[in-house]
Each structure stands twice: as C-alpha cells, then as structure tokens.
All heavy atoms as atom14 arrays in JSON, in Angstrom:
{
  "sequence": "GTTAFAISGALLGVRRSMDVFGTLVLGLVTAVGGGMIRDLTLGIT",
  "atom14_mask": [
    [1, 1, 1, 1, 0, 0, 0, 0, 0, 0, 0, 0, 0, 0],
    [1, 1, 1, 1, 1, 1, 1, 0, 0, 0, 0, 0, 0, 0],
    [1, 1, 1, 1, 1, 1, 1, 0, 0, 0, 0, 0, 0, 0],
    [1, 1, 1, 1, 1, 0, 0, 0, 0, 0, 0, 0, 0, 0],
    [1, 1, 1, 1, 1, 1, 1, 1, 1, 1, 1, 0, 0, 0],
    [1, 1, 1, 1, 1, 0, 0, 0, 0, 0, 0, 0, 0, 0],
    [1, 1, 1, 1, 1, 1, 1, 1, 0, 0, 0, 0, 0, 0],
    [1, 1, 1, 1, 1, 1, 0, 0, 0, 0, 0, 0, 0, 0],
    [1, 1, 1, 1, 0, 0, 0, 0, 0, 0, 0, 0, 0, 0],
    [1, 1, 1, 1, 1, 0, 0, 0, 0, 0, 0, 0, 0, 0],
    [1, 1, 1, 1, 1, 1, 1, 1, 0, 0, 0, 0, 0, 0],
    [1, 1, 1, 1, 1, 1, 1, 1, 0, 0, 0, 0, 0, 0],
    [1, 1, 1, 1, 0, 0, 0, 0, 0, 0, 0, 0, 0, 0],
    [1, 1, 1, 1, 1, 1, 1, 0, 0, 0, 0, 0, 0, 0],
    [1, 1, 1, 1, 1, 1, 1, 1, 1, 1, 1, 0, 0, 0],
    [1, 1, 1, 1, 1, 1, 1, 1, 1, 1, 1, 0, 0, 0],
    [1, 1, 1, 1, 1, 1, 0, 0, 0, 0, 0, 0, 0, 0],
    [1, 1, 1, 1, 1, 1, 1, 1, 0, 0, 0, 0, 0, 0],
    [1, 1, 1, 1, 1, 1, 1, 1, 0, 0, 0, 0, 0, 0],
    [1, 1, 1, 1, 1, 1, 1, 0, 0, 0, 0, 0, 0, 0],
    [1, 1, 1, 1, 1, 1, 1, 1, 1, 1, 1, 0, 0, 0],
    [1, 1, 1, 1, 0, 0, 0, 0, 0, 0, 0, 0, 0, 0],
    [1, 1, 1, 1, 1, 1, 1, 0, 0, 0, 0, 0, 0, 0],
    [1, 1, 1, 1, 1, 1, 1, 1, 0, 0, 0, 0, 0, 0],
    [1, 1, 1, 1, 1, 1, 1, 0, 0, 0, 0, 0, 0, 0],
    [1, 1, 1, 1, 1, 1, 1, 1, 0, 0, 0, 0, 0, 0],
    [1, 1, 1, 1, 0, 0, 0, 0, 0, 0, 0, 0, 0, 0],
    [1, 1, 1, 1, 1, 1, 1, 1, 0, 0, 0, 0, 0, 0],
    [1, 1, 1, 1, 1, 1, 1, 0, 0, 0, 0, 0, 0, 0],
    [1, 1, 1, 1, 1, 1, 1, 0, 0, 0, 0, 0, 0, 0],
    [1, 1, 1, 1, 1, 0, 0, 0, 0, 0, 0, 0, 0, 0],
    [1, 1, 1, 1, 1, 1, 1, 0, 0, 0, 0, 0, 0, 0],
    [1, 1, 1, 1, 0, 0, 0, 0, 0, 0, 0, 0, 0, 0],
    [1, 1, 1, 1, 0, 0, 0, 0, 0, 0, 0, 0, 0, 0],
    [1, 1, 1, 1, 0, 0, 0, 0, 0, 0, 0, 0, 0, 0],
    [1, 1, 1, 1, 1, 1, 1, 1, 0, 0, 0, 0, 0, 0],
    [1, 1, 1, 1, 1, 1, 1, 1, 0, 0, 0, 0, 0, 0],
    [1, 1, 1, 1, 1, 1, 1, 1, 1, 1, 1, 0, 0, 0],
    [1, 1, 1, 1, 1, 1, 1, 1, 0, 0, 0, 0, 0, 0],
    [1, 1, 1, 1, 1, 1, 1, 1, 0, 0, 0, 0, 0, 0],
    [1, 1, 1, 1, 1, 1, 1, 0, 0, 0, 0, 0, 0, 0],
    [1, 1, 1, 1, 1, 1, 1, 1, 0, 0, 0, 0, 0, 0],
    [1, 1, 1, 1, 0, 0, 0, 0, 0, 0, 0, 0, 0, 0],
    [1, 1, 1, 1, 1, 1, 1, 1, 0, 0, 0, 0, 0, 0],
    [1, 1, 1, 1, 1, 1, 1, 0, 0, 0, 0, 0, 0, 0]
  ],
  "atom14_positions": [
    [[-18.4, 12.56, 4.2], [-18.41, 11.91, 2.89], [-17.11, 11.21, 2.56], [-17.11, 10.08, 2.06], [0.0, 0.0, 0.0], [0.0, 0.0, 0.0], [0.0, 0.0, 0.0], [0.0, 0.0, 0.0], [0.0, 0.0, 0.0], [0.0, 0.0, 0.0], [0.0, 0.0, 0.0], [0.0, 0.0, 0.0], [0.0, 0.0, 0.0], [0.0, 0.0, 0.0]],
    [[-16.0, 11.87, 2.82], [-14.69, 11.28, 2.52], [-14.47, 10.0, 3.32], [-14.05, 8.98, 2.78], [-13.57, 12.29, 2.83], [-13.76, 13.47, 2.05], [-12.2, 11.69, 2.52], [0.0, 0.0, 0.0], [0.0, 0.0, 0.0], [0.0, 0.0, 0.0], [0.0, 0.0, 0.0], [0.0, 0.0, 0.0], [0.0, 0.0, 0.0], [0.0, 0.0, 0.0]],
    [[-14.75, 10.04, 4.61], [-14.55, 8.88, 5.47], [-15.47, 7.73, 5.07], [-15.03, 6.58, 4.93], [-14.8, 9.26, 6.94], [-13.94, 10.33, 7.31], [-14.54, 8.06, 7.85], [0.0, 0.0, 0.0], [0.0, 0.0, 0.0], [0.0, 0.0, 0.0], [0.0, 0.0, 0.0], [0.0, 0.0, 0.0], [0.0, 0.0, 0.0], [0.0, 0.0, 0.0]],
    [[-16.74, 8.04, 4.87], [-17.72, 7.0, 4.56], [-17.42, 6.33, 3.23], [-17.47, 5.09, 3.1], [-19.12, 7.59, 4.55], [0.0, 0.0, 0.0], [0.0, 0.0, 0.0], [0.0, 0.0, 0.0], [0.0, 0.0, 0.0], [0.0, 0.0, 0.0], [0.0, 0.0, 0.0], [0.0, 0.0, 0.0], [0.0, 0.0, 0.0], [0.0, 0.0, 0.0]],
    [[-17.09, 7.11, 2.22], [-16.83, 6.54, 0.9], [-15.49, 5.81, 0.85], [-15.33, 4.84, 0.11], [-16.89, 7.62, -0.17], [-18.27, 7.81, -0.74], [-18.54, 8.89, -1.57], [-19.3, 6.94, -0.45], [-19.81, 9.08, -2.1], [-20.57, 7.11, -0.98], [-20.82, 8.18, -1.81], [0.0, 0.0, 0.0], [0.0, 0.0, 0.0], [0.0, 0.0, 0.0]],
    [[-14.52, 6.26, 1.62], [-13.25, 5.52, 1.68], [-13.47, 4.14, 2.28], [-12.91, 3.14, 1.8], [-12.23, 6.31, 2.49], [0.0, 0.0, 0.0], [0.0, 0.0, 0.0], [0.0, 0.0, 0.0], [0.0, 0.0, 0.0], [0.0, 0.0, 0.0], [0.0, 0.0, 0.0], [0.0, 0.0, 0.0], [0.0, 0.0, 0.0], [0.0, 0.0, 0.0]],
    [[-14.3, 4.06, 3.31], [-14.65, 2.76, 3.91], [-15.35, 1.89, 2.88], [-15.03, 0.7, 2.72], [-15.55, 2.96, 5.14], [-14.77, 3.64, 6.27], [-16.1, 1.62, 5.63], [-15.64, 4.03, 7.46], [0.0, 0.0, 0.0], [0.0, 0.0, 0.0], [0.0, 0.0, 0.0], [0.0, 0.0, 0.0], [0.0, 0.0, 0.0], [0.0, 0.0, 0.0]],
    [[-16.3, 2.46, 2.16], [-17.06, 1.73, 1.16], [-16.14, 1.15, 0.08], [-16.23, -0.03, -0.27], [-18.09, 2.66, 0.52], [-18.71, 2.05, -0.59], [0.0, 0.0, 0.0], [0.0, 0.0, 0.0], [0.0, 0.0, 0.0], [0.0, 0.0, 0.0], [0.0, 0.0, 0.0], [0.0, 0.0, 0.0], [0.0, 0.0, 0.0], [0.0, 0.0, 0.0]],
    [[-15.25, 1.98, -0.45], [-14.35, 1.51, -1.51], [-13.36, 0.48, -1.02], [-13.11, -0.53, -1.7], [0.0, 0.0, 0.0], [0.0, 0.0, 0.0], [0.0, 0.0, 0.0], [0.0, 0.0, 0.0], [0.0, 0.0, 0.0], [0.0, 0.0, 0.0], [0.0, 0.0, 0.0], [0.0, 0.0, 0.0], [0.0, 0.0, 0.0], [0.0, 0.0, 0.0]],
    [[-12.8, 0.71, 0.15], [-11.8, -0.23, 0.68], [-12.43, -1.58, 0.99], [-11.82, -2.63, 0.74], [-11.15, 0.35, 1.93], [0.0, 0.0, 0.0], [0.0, 0.0, 0.0], [0.0, 0.0, 0.0], [0.0, 0.0, 0.0], [0.0, 0.0, 0.0], [0.0, 0.0, 0.0], [0.0, 0.0, 0.0], [0.0, 0.0, 0.0], [0.0, 0.0, 0.0]],
    [[-13.64, -1.58, 1.51], [-14.29, -2.85, 1.81], [-14.54, -3.66, 0.55], [-14.37, -4.89, 0.53], [-15.6, -2.63, 2.56], [-16.31, -3.92, 2.97], [-15.46, -4.71, 3.96], [-17.68, -3.63, 3.57], [0.0, 0.0, 0.0], [0.0, 0.0, 0.0], [0.0, 0.0, 0.0], [0.0, 0.0, 0.0], [0.0, 0.0, 0.0], [0.0, 0.0, 0.0]],
    [[-14.93, -2.98, -0.53], [-15.12, -3.7, -1.79], [-13.8, -4.29, -2.27], [-13.77, -5.41, -2.79], [-15.69, -2.76, -2.86], [-15.95, -3.4, -4.22], [-16.93, -4.57, -4.1], [-16.48, -2.37, -5.21], [0.0, 0.0, 0.0], [0.0, 0.0, 0.0], [0.0, 0.0, 0.0], [0.0, 0.0, 0.0], [0.0, 0.0, 0.0], [0.0, 0.0, 0.0]],
    [[-12.71, -3.55, -2.08], [-11.41, -4.09, -2.44], [-11.07, -5.35, -1.67], [-10.54, -6.31, -2.22], [0.0, 0.0, 0.0], [0.0, 0.0, 0.0], [0.0, 0.0, 0.0], [0.0, 0.0, 0.0], [0.0, 0.0, 0.0], [0.0, 0.0, 0.0], [0.0, 0.0, 0.0], [0.0, 0.0, 0.0], [0.0, 0.0, 0.0], [0.0, 0.0, 0.0]],
    [[-11.39, -5.35, -0.37], [-11.17, -6.54, 0.45], [-12.03, -7.7, -0.05], [-11.56, -8.84, -0.17], [-11.48, -6.23, 1.93], [-11.47, -7.51, 2.76], [-10.48, -5.23, 2.49], [0.0, 0.0, 0.0], [0.0, 0.0, 0.0], [0.0, 0.0, 0.0], [0.0, 0.0, 0.0], [0.0, 0.0, 0.0], [0.0, 0.0, 0.0], [0.0, 0.0, 0.0]],
    [[-13.29, -7.42, -0.35], [-14.18, -8.47, -0.82], [-13.77, -9.04, -2.17], [-14.04, -10.2, -2.47], [-15.62, -7.93, -0.92], [-16.31, -7.69, 0.4], [-16.36, -8.93, 1.27], [-16.97, -10.08, 0.61], [-18.25, -10.4, 0.66], [-19.08, -9.64, 1.32], [-18.68, -11.48, 0.05], [0.0, 0.0, 0.0], [0.0, 0.0, 0.0], [0.0, 0.0, 0.0]],
    [[-13.1, -8.24, -2.98], [-12.62, -8.71, -4.28], [-11.21, -9.3, -4.2], [-10.57, -9.55, -5.21], [-12.63, -7.56, -5.29], [-13.98, -6.92, -5.51], [-14.99, -7.82, -6.17], [-14.74, -7.96, -7.6], [-15.51, -8.64, -8.43], [-16.58, -9.25, -7.96], [-15.23, -8.73, -9.7], [0.0, 0.0, 0.0], [0.0, 0.0, 0.0], [0.0, 0.0, 0.0]],
    [[-10.73, -9.51, -2.97], [-9.41, -10.12, -2.71], [-8.28, -9.32, -3.33], [-7.28, -9.89, -3.8], [-9.38, -11.56, -3.23], [-10.35, -12.35, -2.57], [0.0, 0.0, 0.0], [0.0, 0.0, 0.0], [0.0, 0.0, 0.0], [0.0, 0.0, 0.0], [0.0, 0.0, 0.0], [0.0, 0.0, 0.0], [0.0, 0.0, 0.0], [0.0, 0.0, 0.0]],
    [[-8.38, -8.01, -3.33], [-7.31, -7.17, -3.84], [-6.21, -7.02, -2.79], [-6.45, -7.19, -1.59], [-7.85, -5.79, -4.21], [-8.79, -5.79, -5.38], [-9.29, -4.11, -5.86], [-10.34, -4.47, -7.28], [0.0, 0.0, 0.0], [0.0, 0.0, 0.0], [0.0, 0.0, 0.0], [0.0, 0.0, 0.0], [0.0, 0.0, 0.0], [0.0, 0.0, 0.0]],
    [[-5.01, -6.72, -3.26], [-3.92, -6.49, -2.32], [-4.06, -5.09, -1.73], [-5.01, -4.36, -2.02], [-2.55, -6.69, -2.99], [-2.3, -5.72, -4.15], [-3.01, -4.69, -4.24], [-1.4, -5.98, -4.96], [0.0, 0.0, 0.0], [0.0, 0.0, 0.0], [0.0, 0.0, 0.0], [0.0, 0.0, 0.0], [0.0, 0.0, 0.0], [0.0, 0.0, 0.0]],
    [[-3.1, -4.71, -0.9], [-3.21, -3.45, -0.18], [-3.27, -2.26, -1.13], [-4.01, -1.29, -0.9], [-2.05, -3.3, 0.83], [-0.69, -3.29, 0.12], [-2.23, -2.04, 1.68], [0.0, 0.0, 0.0], [0.0, 0.0, 0.0], [0.0, 0.0, 0.0], [0.0, 0.0, 0.0], [0.0, 0.0, 0.0], [0.0, 0.0, 0.0], [0.0, 0.0, 0.0]],
    [[-2.52, -2.33, -2.25], [-2.54, -1.21, -3.19], [-3.9, -1.11, -3.89], [-4.45, -0.01, -4.03], [-1.43, -1.38, -4.23], [-1.38, -0.25, -5.24], [-0.92, 1.0, -4.87], [-1.83, -0.45, -6.55], [-0.9, 2.05, -5.78], [-1.8, 0.58, -7.47], [-1.33, 1.84, -7.09], [0.0, 0.0, 0.0], [0.0, 0.0, 0.0], [0.0, 0.0, 0.0]],
    [[-4.42, -2.25, -4.33], [-5.72, -2.24, -4.98], [-6.82, -1.74, -4.06], [-7.69, -0.95, -4.46], [0.0, 0.0, 0.0], [0.0, 0.0, 0.0], [0.0, 0.0, 0.0], [0.0, 0.0, 0.0], [0.0, 0.0, 0.0], [0.0, 0.0, 0.0], [0.0, 0.0, 0.0], [0.0, 0.0, 0.0], [0.0, 0.0, 0.0], [0.0, 0.0, 0.0]],
    [[-6.78, -2.17, -2.81], [-7.76, -1.72, -1.83], [-7.64, -0.22, -1.59], [-8.64, 0.5, -1.48], [-7.56, -2.47, -0.51], [-7.7, -3.88, -0.74], [-8.58, -2.03, 0.53], [0.0, 0.0, 0.0], [0.0, 0.0, 0.0], [0.0, 0.0, 0.0], [0.0, 0.0, 0.0], [0.0, 0.0, 0.0], [0.0, 0.0, 0.0], [0.0, 0.0, 0.0]],
    [[-6.39, 0.25, -1.52], [-6.15, 1.68, -1.32], [-6.69, 2.49, -2.49], [-7.33, 3.54, -2.29], [-4.65, 1.93, -1.16], [-4.19, 3.38, -1.06], [-4.83, 4.07, 0.13], [-2.67, 3.45, -0.96], [0.0, 0.0, 0.0], [0.0, 0.0, 0.0], [0.0, 0.0, 0.0], [0.0, 0.0, 0.0], [0.0, 0.0, 0.0], [0.0, 0.0, 0.0]],
    [[-6.46, 2.02, -3.71], [-6.94, 2.74, -4.89], [-8.46, 2.82, -4.9], [-9.04, 3.88, -5.17], [-6.43, 2.06, -6.18], [-7.16, 2.62, -7.4], [-4.93, 2.27, -6.33], [0.0, 0.0, 0.0], [0.0, 0.0, 0.0], [0.0, 0.0, 0.0], [0.0, 0.0, 0.0], [0.0, 0.0, 0.0], [0.0, 0.0, 0.0], [0.0, 0.0, 0.0]],
    [[-9.14, 1.7, -4.58], [-10.6, 1.72, -4.57], [-11.13, 2.69, -3.51], [-12.09, 3.43, -3.76], [-11.16, 0.32, -4.31], [-11.17, -0.66, -5.49], [-12.11, -1.83, -5.19], [-11.59, 0.01, -6.78], [0.0, 0.0, 0.0], [0.0, 0.0, 0.0], [0.0, 0.0, 0.0], [0.0, 0.0, 0.0], [0.0, 0.0, 0.0], [0.0, 0.0, 0.0]],
    [[-10.54, 2.67, -2.33], [-10.97, 3.6, -1.3], [-10.75, 5.05, -1.71], [-11.6, 5.91, -1.47], [0.0, 0.0, 0.0], [0.0, 0.0, 0.0], [0.0, 0.0, 0.0], [0.0, 0.0, 0.0], [0.0, 0.0, 0.0], [0.0, 0.0, 0.0], [0.0, 0.0, 0.0], [0.0, 0.0, 0.0], [0.0, 0.0, 0.0], [0.0, 0.0, 0.0]],
    [[-9.62, 5.3, -2.35], [-9.27, 6.66, -2.74], [-10.18, 7.19, -3.85], [-10.71, 8.31, -3.75], [-7.81, 6.71, -3.18], [-7.19, 8.08, -3.44], [-7.3, 8.95, -2.19], [-5.73, 7.94, -3.87], [0.0, 0.0, 0.0], [0.0, 0.0, 0.0], [0.0, 0.0, 0.0], [0.0, 0.0, 0.0], [0.0, 0.0, 0.0], [0.0, 0.0, 0.0]],
    [[-10.39, 6.4, -4.9], [-11.21, 6.9, -6.01], [-12.67, 7.05, -5.6], [-13.38, 7.93, -6.11], [-11.11, 5.98, -7.25], [-9.68, 5.91, -7.74], [-11.67, 4.6, -6.99], [0.0, 0.0, 0.0], [0.0, 0.0, 0.0], [0.0, 0.0, 0.0], [0.0, 0.0, 0.0], [0.0, 0.0, 0.0], [0.0, 0.0, 0.0], [0.0, 0.0, 0.0]],
    [[-13.14, 6.2, -4.67], [-14.52, 6.34, -4.2], [-14.68, 7.65, -3.44], [-15.69, 8.35, -3.57], [-14.91, 5.17, -3.29], [-14.62, 3.93, -3.94], [-16.4, 5.21, -2.97], [0.0, 0.0, 0.0], [0.0, 0.0, 0.0], [0.0, 0.0, 0.0], [0.0, 0.0, 0.0], [0.0, 0.0, 0.0], [0.0, 0.0, 0.0], [0.0, 0.0, 0.0]],
    [[-13.67, 8.0, -2.67], [-13.73, 9.2, -1.83], [-13.54, 10.5, -2.62], [-14.17, 11.51, -2.3], [-12.7, 9.11, -0.71], [0.0, 0.0, 0.0], [0.0, 0.0, 0.0], [0.0, 0.0, 0.0], [0.0, 0.0, 0.0], [0.0, 0.0, 0.0], [0.0, 0.0, 0.0], [0.0, 0.0, 0.0], [0.0, 0.0, 0.0], [0.0, 0.0, 0.0]],
    [[-12.69, 10.49, -3.64], [-12.37, 11.75, -4.32], [-12.78, 11.77, -5.79], [-12.74, 12.84, -6.42], [-10.86, 12.08, -4.21], [-10.42, 12.09, -2.75], [-10.01, 11.1, -5.02], [0.0, 0.0, 0.0], [0.0, 0.0, 0.0], [0.0, 0.0, 0.0], [0.0, 0.0, 0.0], [0.0, 0.0, 0.0], [0.0, 0.0, 0.0], [0.0, 0.0, 0.0]],
    [[-13.19, 10.62, -6.33], [-13.51, 10.56, -7.76], [-14.65, 11.47, -8.17], [-14.57, 12.19, -9.18], [0.0, 0.0, 0.0], [0.0, 0.0, 0.0], [0.0, 0.0, 0.0], [0.0, 0.0, 0.0], [0.0, 0.0, 0.0], [0.0, 0.0, 0.0], [0.0, 0.0, 0.0], [0.0, 0.0, 0.0], [0.0, 0.0, 0.0], [0.0, 0.0, 0.0]],
    [[-15.73, 11.46, -7.39], [-16.87, 12.32, -7.72], [-16.52, 13.79, -7.65], [-16.96, 14.59, -8.49], [0.0, 0.0, 0.0], [0.0, 0.0, 0.0], [0.0, 0.0, 0.0], [0.0, 0.0, 0.0], [0.0, 0.0, 0.0], [0.0, 0.0, 0.0], [0.0, 0.0, 0.0], [0.0, 0.0, 0.0], [0.0, 0.0, 0.0], [0.0, 0.0, 0.0]],
    [[-15.72, 14.17, -6.66], [-15.3, 15.55, -6.53], [-14.43, 16.01, -7.69], [-14.51, 17.18, -8.12], [0.0, 0.0, 0.0], [0.0, 0.0, 0.0], [0.0, 0.0, 0.0], [0.0, 0.0, 0.0], [0.0, 0.0, 0.0], [0.0, 0.0, 0.0], [0.0, 0.0, 0.0], [0.0, 0.0, 0.0], [0.0, 0.0, 0.0], [0.0, 0.0, 0.0]],
    [[-13.64, 15.1, -8.23], [-12.81, 15.44, -9.38], [-13.67, 15.69, -10.62], [-13.41, 16.62, -11.39], [-11.8, 14.34, -9.64], [-10.75, 14.19, -8.55], [-9.58, 12.84, -8.82], [-8.68, 13.46, -10.24], [0.0, 0.0, 0.0], [0.0, 0.0, 0.0], [0.0, 0.0, 0.0], [0.0, 0.0, 0.0], [0.0, 0.0, 0.0], [0.0, 0.0, 0.0]],
    [[-14.72, 14.87, -10.81], [-15.65, 15.1, -11.92], [-16.31, 16.47, -11.78], [-16.44, 17.23, -12.74], [-16.71, 13.99, -11.97], [-16.06, 12.64, -12.26], [-17.78, 14.3, -13.02], [-17.01, 11.46, -12.15], [0.0, 0.0, 0.0], [0.0, 0.0, 0.0], [0.0, 0.0, 0.0], [0.0, 0.0, 0.0], [0.0, 0.0, 0.0], [0.0, 0.0, 0.0]],
    [[-16.74, 16.78, -10.57], [-17.36, 18.08, -10.3], [-16.41, 19.23, -10.61], [-16.78, 20.19, -11.3], [-17.77, 18.15, -8.82], [-18.27, 19.51, -8.36], [-18.12, 19.63, -6.85], [-16.72, 19.65, -6.44], [-16.27, 19.14, -5.3], [-17.1, 18.57, -4.45], [-14.98, 19.21, -5.0], [0.0, 0.0, 0.0], [0.0, 0.0, 0.0], [0.0, 0.0, 0.0]],
    [[-15.19, 19.14, -10.13], [-14.24, 20.23, -10.31], [-13.89, 20.44, -11.79], [-13.79, 21.57, -12.26], [-12.96, 19.95, -9.52], [-13.19, 20.07, -8.01], [-14.26, 20.58, -7.62], [-12.3, 19.65, -7.24], [0.0, 0.0, 0.0], [0.0, 0.0, 0.0], [0.0, 0.0, 0.0], [0.0, 0.0, 0.0], [0.0, 0.0, 0.0], [0.0, 0.0, 0.0]],
    [[-13.73, 19.35, -12.53], [-13.44, 19.47, -13.95], [-14.62, 20.1, -14.69], [-14.45, 20.88, -15.62], [-13.1, 18.11, -14.54], [-11.77, 17.49, -14.07], [-11.62, 16.08, -14.61], [-10.6, 18.37, -14.5], [0.0, 0.0, 0.0], [0.0, 0.0, 0.0], [0.0, 0.0, 0.0], [0.0, 0.0, 0.0], [0.0, 0.0, 0.0], [0.0, 0.0, 0.0]],
    [[-15.84, 19.75, -14.28], [-17.04, 20.35, -14.87], [-17.08, 21.85, -14.62], [-17.47, 22.64, -15.5], [-18.31, 19.7, -14.29], [-18.3, 18.29, -14.58], [-19.57, 20.32, -14.88], [0.0, 0.0, 0.0], [0.0, 0.0, 0.0], [0.0, 0.0, 0.0], [0.0, 0.0, 0.0], [0.0, 0.0, 0.0], [0.0, 0.0, 0.0], [0.0, 0.0, 0.0]],
    [[-16.69, 22.27, -13.43], [-16.73, 23.68, -13.05], [-15.49, 24.46, -13.49], [-15.4, 25.66, -13.25], [-16.9, 23.8, -11.54], [-18.21, 23.26, -10.95], [-18.18, 23.29, -9.44], [-19.4, 24.06, -11.48], [0.0, 0.0, 0.0], [0.0, 0.0, 0.0], [0.0, 0.0, 0.0], [0.0, 0.0, 0.0], [0.0, 0.0, 0.0], [0.0, 0.0, 0.0]],
    [[-14.53, 23.77, -14.1], [-13.31, 24.44, -14.53], [-12.33, 24.71, -13.41], [-11.46, 25.58, -13.53], [0.0, 0.0, 0.0], [0.0, 0.0, 0.0], [0.0, 0.0, 0.0], [0.0, 0.0, 0.0], [0.0, 0.0, 0.0], [0.0, 0.0, 0.0], [0.0, 0.0, 0.0], [0.0, 0.0, 0.0], [0.0, 0.0, 0.0], [0.0, 0.0, 0.0]],
    [[-12.46, 23.95, -12.32], [-11.53, 24.08, -11.2], [-10.35, 23.14, -11.45], [-10.45, 21.93, -11.28], [-12.21, 23.72, -9.86], [-13.41, 24.64, -9.62], [-11.22, 23.82, -8.7], [-14.21, 24.27, -8.39], [0.0, 0.0, 0.0], [0.0, 0.0, 0.0], [0.0, 0.0, 0.0], [0.0, 0.0, 0.0], [0.0, 0.0, 0.0], [0.0, 0.0, 0.0]],
    [[-9.25, 23.69, -11.89], [-8.07, 22.87, -12.19], [-6.84, 23.45, -11.51], [-6.65, 24.67, -11.5], [-7.84, 22.8, -13.72], [-7.76, 24.15, -14.25], [-8.96, 22.06, -14.41], [0.0, 0.0, 0.0], [0.0, 0.0, 0.0], [0.0, 0.0, 0.0], [0.0, 0.0, 0.0], [0.0, 0.0, 0.0], [0.0, 0.0, 0.0], [0.0, 0.0, 0.0]]
  ]
}
C-alpha cells in the first residue's frame, strides 16, 4: 500500500508540473494520510 500510493501521489505531482518538493508532499500524504486519519480515530497518538 505504501509503495503503490506513493507512486500514485508522486505521478499526479509530476502531471501537475509540481517541483520536487510538491511531488514529494503528494506522494507522502497519499501514502500515509489515510493511516493518520485512522490512527486519530482510534486514539493512537
């Protein structure tokens, strides 16, 4: 999941002509964003 979603997010960043930081952020939030929502819901902090 982490690898696949990082690819998905980074590719969208490339398609939107983002720089390396923007592409990195999109890849990162796609890979870990859902897990953070889950953890906050479960009280895992």
